[in-house]
Amino acid sequence: MQARQSYNRFTTNLINNTANFINNNFDFNIESNQNKQLKQMPLMQLELFTEQSYQKHFSVVITMLNDEQFHGKFISQVNRNKFVFKVSSAFFKIVTLDQLKSINLV
């Protein structure tokens, strides 16, 4: 019983902290006005996510500033802010961090 209570407390804290982080750091502009754009993730967070995705070969979905989305993997790092993204065996995209809006694990 003790383990279950601490697990539930941990889960509740994790959910609450994650929700607070999202609310404090991202502006999703959920309103009736559809002309507003989503904010870009902070550059340091984009750097961290991109670096981790590249090193661990994670499959991710990237969203560009123009709302295009690509599903694939980062396969090469050109420099700190530029990566080669493999979408398919025939389609590669050179991505700079200033072009990205967000990175999400699949």
N, C-alpha and C. Protein backbone atom coordinates (compact mmCIF):
# COMPACT_ATOMS: atom_id res chain seq x y z
N MET A 1 0.82 -1.19 0.00
CA MET A 1 0.00 0.00 0.00
C MET A 1 0.86 1.26 0.00
N GLN A 2 1.95 1.23 0.76
CA GLN A 2 2.86 2.37 0.83
C GLN A 2 3.45 2.67 -0.55
N ALA A 3 3.85 1.63 -1.30
CA ALA A 3 4.44 1.81 -2.62
C ALA A 3 3.43 2.42 -3.59
N ARG A 4 2.19 1.97 -3.50
CA ARG A 4 1.16 2.49 -4.39
C ARG A 4 0.91 3.97 -4.13
N GLN A 5 0.87 4.37 -2.87
CA GLN A 5 0.63 5.78 -2.53
C GLN A 5 1.78 6.66 -3.03
N SER A 6 3.02 6.21 -2.82
CA SER A 6 4.15 7.02 -3.28
C SER A 6 4.19 7.07 -4.80
N TYR A 7 3.81 5.97 -5.47
CA TYR A 7 3.75 5.96 -6.93
C TYR A 7 2.71 6.95 -7.42
N ASN A 8 1.52 6.94 -6.80
CA ASN A 8 0.45 7.86 -7.21
C ASN A 8 0.86 9.31 -6.96
N ARG A 9 1.54 9.59 -5.84
CA ARG A 9 2.01 10.93 -5.53
C ARG A 9 3.06 11.37 -6.55
N PHE A 10 3.96 10.43 -6.90
CA PHE A 10 4.98 10.74 -7.91
C PHE A 10 4.33 11.06 -9.25
N THR A 11 3.37 10.24 -9.66
CA THR A 11 2.68 10.43 -10.93
C THR A 11 1.94 11.76 -10.94
N THR A 12 1.24 12.07 -9.86
CA THR A 12 0.50 13.32 -9.77
C THR A 12 1.45 14.51 -9.84
N ASN A 13 2.56 14.44 -9.12
CA ASN A 13 3.53 15.53 -9.15
C ASN A 13 4.12 15.70 -10.54
N LEU A 14 4.44 14.59 -11.20
CA LEU A 14 5.00 14.65 -12.55
C LEU A 14 4.03 15.30 -13.52
N ILE A 15 2.78 14.91 -13.47
CA ILE A 15 1.76 15.49 -14.36
C ILE A 15 1.59 16.98 -14.08
N ASN A 16 1.50 17.33 -12.81
CA ASN A 16 1.32 18.75 -12.45
C ASN A 16 2.52 19.59 -12.86
N ASN A 17 3.72 19.10 -12.61
CA ASN A 17 4.92 19.85 -12.97
C ASN A 17 5.05 20.00 -14.48
N THR A 18 4.71 18.96 -15.23
CA THR A 18 4.76 19.03 -16.69
C THR A 18 3.74 20.04 -17.21
N ALA A 19 2.54 20.00 -16.68
CA ALA A 19 1.50 20.94 -17.11
C ALA A 19 1.90 22.37 -16.79
N ASN A 20 2.46 22.59 -15.60
CA ASN A 20 2.92 23.93 -15.23
C ASN A 20 4.04 24.41 -16.14
N PHE A 21 4.98 23.51 -16.47
CA PHE A 21 6.08 23.87 -17.37
C PHE A 21 5.55 24.29 -18.73
N ILE A 22 4.62 23.52 -19.27
CA ILE A 22 4.05 23.84 -20.58
C ILE A 22 3.31 25.17 -20.52
N ASN A 23 2.51 25.37 -19.48
CA ASN A 23 1.76 26.62 -19.35
C ASN A 23 2.67 27.83 -19.22
N ASN A 24 3.79 27.67 -18.52
CA ASN A 24 4.68 28.79 -18.28
C ASN A 24 5.62 29.08 -19.45
N ASN A 25 5.89 28.10 -20.30
CA ASN A 25 6.91 28.27 -21.33
C ASN A 25 6.40 28.31 -22.76
N PHE A 26 5.18 27.92 -22.98
CA PHE A 26 4.66 27.91 -24.35
C PHE A 26 3.35 28.67 -24.41
N ASP A 27 3.18 29.40 -25.48
CA ASP A 27 1.96 30.17 -25.70
C ASP A 27 1.26 29.57 -26.90
N PHE A 28 0.24 28.76 -26.64
CA PHE A 28 -0.43 28.07 -27.73
C PHE A 28 -1.54 28.90 -28.36
N ASN A 29 -1.85 30.05 -27.77
CA ASN A 29 -2.84 30.97 -28.34
C ASN A 29 -4.13 30.25 -28.70
N ILE A 30 -4.69 29.52 -27.77
CA ILE A 30 -5.93 28.81 -28.05
C ILE A 30 -7.08 29.79 -27.88
N GLU A 31 -7.44 30.42 -28.96
CA GLU A 31 -8.50 31.42 -28.99
C GLU A 31 -9.26 31.26 -30.29
N SER A 32 -10.31 32.03 -30.44
CA SER A 32 -11.08 31.96 -31.68
C SER A 32 -10.33 32.57 -32.85
N ASN A 33 -9.36 33.44 -32.57
CA ASN A 33 -8.58 34.08 -33.63
C ASN A 33 -7.52 33.09 -34.14
N GLN A 34 -7.68 32.60 -35.35
CA GLN A 34 -6.79 31.59 -35.90
C GLN A 34 -5.56 32.19 -36.58
N ASN A 35 -5.47 33.52 -36.68
CA ASN A 35 -4.35 34.15 -37.37
C ASN A 35 -3.08 34.19 -36.54
N LYS A 36 -3.18 33.95 -35.25
CA LYS A 36 -2.00 34.00 -34.40
C LYS A 36 -1.16 32.76 -34.63
N GLN A 37 0.15 32.93 -34.62
CA GLN A 37 1.10 31.83 -34.84
C GLN A 37 1.54 31.25 -33.50
N LEU A 38 1.90 29.96 -33.50
CA LEU A 38 2.48 29.35 -32.31
C LEU A 38 3.88 29.90 -32.10
N LYS A 39 4.27 30.02 -30.85
CA LYS A 39 5.61 30.47 -30.52
C LYS A 39 6.63 29.41 -30.89
N GLN A 40 7.81 29.85 -31.21
CA GLN A 40 8.91 28.93 -31.44
C GLN A 40 9.45 28.47 -30.09
N MET A 41 9.84 27.20 -30.01
CA MET A 41 10.46 26.70 -28.79
C MET A 41 11.72 27.53 -28.54
N PRO A 42 12.11 27.70 -27.28
CA PRO A 42 13.36 28.43 -26.99
C PRO A 42 14.55 27.77 -27.68
N LEU A 43 15.49 28.58 -28.15
CA LEU A 43 16.63 28.07 -28.90
C LEU A 43 17.44 27.04 -28.12
N MET A 44 17.64 27.29 -26.83
CA MET A 44 18.41 26.33 -26.03
C MET A 44 17.71 24.98 -25.96
N GLN A 45 16.39 24.99 -25.88
CA GLN A 45 15.62 23.75 -25.84
C GLN A 45 15.69 23.04 -27.19
N LEU A 46 15.60 23.80 -28.28
CA LEU A 46 15.75 23.21 -29.61
C LEU A 46 17.13 22.57 -29.76
N GLU A 47 18.18 23.27 -29.29
CA GLU A 47 19.54 22.71 -29.36
C GLU A 47 19.62 21.39 -28.61
N LEU A 48 19.08 21.37 -27.40
CA LEU A 48 19.13 20.17 -26.57
C LEU A 48 18.35 19.02 -27.21
N PHE A 49 17.13 19.27 -27.65
CA PHE A 49 16.30 18.23 -28.26
C PHE A 49 16.94 17.70 -29.54
N THR A 50 17.48 18.61 -30.35
CA THR A 50 18.09 18.19 -31.62
C THR A 50 19.32 17.35 -31.36
N GLU A 51 20.16 17.80 -30.44
CA GLU A 51 21.39 17.07 -30.10
C GLU A 51 21.06 15.68 -29.57
N GLN A 52 20.11 15.58 -28.67
CA GLN A 52 19.73 14.28 -28.12
C GLN A 52 19.12 13.38 -29.19
N SER A 53 18.27 13.94 -30.03
CA SER A 53 17.64 13.15 -31.09
C SER A 53 18.69 12.63 -32.07
N TYR A 54 19.68 13.45 -32.36
CA TYR A 54 20.76 13.03 -33.27
C TYR A 54 21.63 11.94 -32.64
N GLN A 55 22.05 12.15 -31.41
CA GLN A 55 22.95 11.20 -30.76
C GLN A 55 22.29 9.85 -30.49
N LYS A 56 21.02 9.86 -30.15
CA LYS A 56 20.32 8.62 -29.79
C LYS A 56 19.49 8.05 -30.93
N HIS A 57 19.56 8.68 -32.12
CA HIS A 57 18.87 8.20 -33.33
C HIS A 57 17.36 8.08 -33.11
N PHE A 58 16.78 9.07 -32.42
CA PHE A 58 15.34 9.07 -32.17
C PHE A 58 14.59 9.42 -33.45
N SER A 59 13.43 8.83 -33.61
CA SER A 59 12.52 9.19 -34.67
C SER A 59 11.66 10.35 -34.15
N VAL A 60 11.66 11.46 -34.88
CA VAL A 60 10.98 12.68 -34.42
C VAL A 60 10.12 13.28 -35.52
N VAL A 61 9.24 14.16 -35.10
CA VAL A 61 8.48 15.00 -36.02
C VAL A 61 8.94 16.43 -35.77
N ILE A 62 9.42 17.07 -36.82
CA ILE A 62 9.83 18.47 -36.68
C ILE A 62 8.77 19.35 -37.35
N THR A 63 8.50 20.47 -36.74
CA THR A 63 7.58 21.45 -37.30
C THR A 63 8.37 22.70 -37.63
N MET A 64 8.29 23.11 -38.87
CA MET A 64 9.01 24.29 -39.33
C MET A 64 8.19 25.54 -38.99
N LEU A 65 8.80 26.71 -39.12
CA LEU A 65 8.10 27.96 -38.82
C LEU A 65 6.90 28.19 -39.74
N ASN A 66 6.95 27.62 -40.94
CA ASN A 66 5.82 27.77 -41.88
C ASN A 66 4.79 26.65 -41.70
N ASP A 67 4.87 25.93 -40.57
CA ASP A 67 3.94 24.86 -40.18
C ASP A 67 4.05 23.58 -41.01
N GLU A 68 5.09 23.44 -41.83
CA GLU A 68 5.34 22.17 -42.48
C GLU A 68 5.85 21.19 -41.43
N GLN A 69 5.44 19.94 -41.54
CA GLN A 69 5.91 18.92 -40.61
C GLN A 69 6.60 17.81 -41.38
N PHE A 70 7.69 17.30 -40.81
CA PHE A 70 8.44 16.20 -41.40
C PHE A 70 8.69 15.15 -40.33
N HIS A 71 8.56 13.90 -40.70
CA HIS A 71 8.82 12.79 -39.80
C HIS A 71 10.08 12.09 -40.27
N GLY A 72 11.03 11.89 -39.36
CA GLY A 72 12.28 11.23 -39.74
C GLY A 72 13.29 11.26 -38.62
N LYS A 73 14.59 11.24 -39.01
CA LYS A 73 15.69 11.22 -38.04
C LYS A 73 16.78 12.18 -38.47
N PHE A 74 17.45 12.77 -37.45
CA PHE A 74 18.64 13.57 -37.72
C PHE A 74 19.79 12.59 -37.95
N ILE A 75 20.45 12.70 -39.11
CA ILE A 75 21.51 11.72 -39.43
C ILE A 75 22.90 12.32 -39.44
N SER A 76 23.00 13.65 -39.48
CA SER A 76 24.31 14.27 -39.51
C SER A 76 24.23 15.68 -38.92
N GLN A 77 25.31 16.07 -38.26
CA GLN A 77 25.38 17.41 -37.70
C GLN A 77 26.46 18.19 -38.45
N VAL A 78 26.06 19.24 -39.15
CA VAL A 78 26.99 20.05 -39.92
C VAL A 78 27.76 20.99 -39.00
N ASN A 79 27.01 21.69 -38.14
CA ASN A 79 27.60 22.53 -37.09
C ASN A 79 26.60 22.59 -35.94
N ARG A 80 26.83 23.48 -35.01
CA ARG A 80 25.97 23.50 -33.82
C ARG A 80 24.51 23.78 -34.15
N ASN A 81 24.24 24.53 -35.18
CA ASN A 81 22.87 24.94 -35.52
C ASN A 81 22.33 24.34 -36.82
N LYS A 82 23.08 23.46 -37.45
CA LYS A 82 22.65 22.91 -38.74
C LYS A 82 22.76 21.39 -38.73
N PHE A 83 21.67 20.73 -39.14
CA PHE A 83 21.60 19.27 -39.15
C PHE A 83 21.04 18.78 -40.48
N VAL A 84 21.38 17.55 -40.83
CA VAL A 84 20.77 16.88 -41.98
C VAL A 84 19.70 15.96 -41.43
N PHE A 85 18.48 16.09 -41.95
CA PHE A 85 17.32 15.35 -41.48
C PHE A 85 16.87 14.40 -42.58
N LYS A 86 16.80 13.11 -42.27
CA LYS A 86 16.39 12.11 -43.26
C LYS A 86 14.90 11.84 -43.10
N VAL A 87 14.14 12.18 -44.15
CA VAL A 87 12.70 11.96 -44.16
C VAL A 87 12.39 10.59 -44.75
N SER A 88 13.06 10.26 -45.84
CA SER A 88 12.91 8.94 -46.46
C SER A 88 14.25 8.61 -47.13
N SER A 89 14.33 7.45 -47.76
CA SER A 89 15.59 7.07 -48.39
C SER A 89 15.94 7.99 -49.57
N ALA A 90 14.96 8.71 -50.09
CA ALA A 90 15.21 9.58 -51.23
C ALA A 90 15.07 11.07 -50.90
N PHE A 91 14.71 11.39 -49.67
CA PHE A 91 14.46 12.79 -49.32
C PHE A 91 15.18 13.17 -48.03
N PHE A 92 16.10 14.11 -48.15
CA PHE A 92 16.85 14.64 -47.02
C PHE A 92 16.61 16.14 -46.96
N LYS A 93 16.64 16.69 -45.77
CA LYS A 93 16.41 18.12 -45.59
C LYS A 93 17.51 18.67 -44.69
N ILE A 94 18.09 19.78 -45.10
CA ILE A 94 19.05 20.48 -44.25
C ILE A 94 18.25 21.45 -43.39
N VAL A 95 18.38 21.28 -42.07
CA VAL A 95 17.57 22.03 -41.13
C VAL A 95 18.47 22.89 -40.25
N THR A 96 18.16 24.17 -40.17
CA THR A 96 18.84 25.03 -39.19
C THR A 96 17.85 25.29 -38.06
N LEU A 97 18.38 25.47 -36.86
CA LEU A 97 17.52 25.59 -35.69
C LEU A 97 16.61 26.81 -35.75
N ASP A 98 17.03 27.85 -36.44
CA ASP A 98 16.17 29.04 -36.52
C ASP A 98 14.97 28.82 -37.45
N GLN A 99 14.95 27.72 -38.20
CA GLN A 99 13.81 27.39 -39.06
C GLN A 99 12.78 26.53 -38.32
N LEU A 100 13.17 25.97 -37.17
CA LEU A 100 12.31 25.05 -36.45
C LEU A 100 11.38 25.76 -35.48
N LYS A 101 10.17 25.27 -35.41
CA LYS A 101 9.23 25.74 -34.40
C LYS A 101 9.23 24.78 -33.22
N SER A 102 9.25 23.46 -33.52
CA SER A 102 9.25 22.48 -32.43
C SER A 102 9.76 21.13 -32.92
N ILE A 103 10.14 20.30 -31.95
CA ILE A 103 10.59 18.93 -32.19
C ILE A 103 9.83 18.04 -31.22
N ASN A 104 9.22 16.98 -31.75
CA ASN A 104 8.44 16.06 -30.91
C ASN A 104 8.87 14.63 -31.18
N LEU A 105 9.06 13.85 -30.11
CA LEU A 105 9.35 12.43 -30.27
C LEU A 105 8.13 11.71 -30.83
N VAL A 106 8.37 10.69 -31.62
CA VAL A 106 7.27 9.92 -32.18
C VAL A 106 7.04 8.71 -31.30
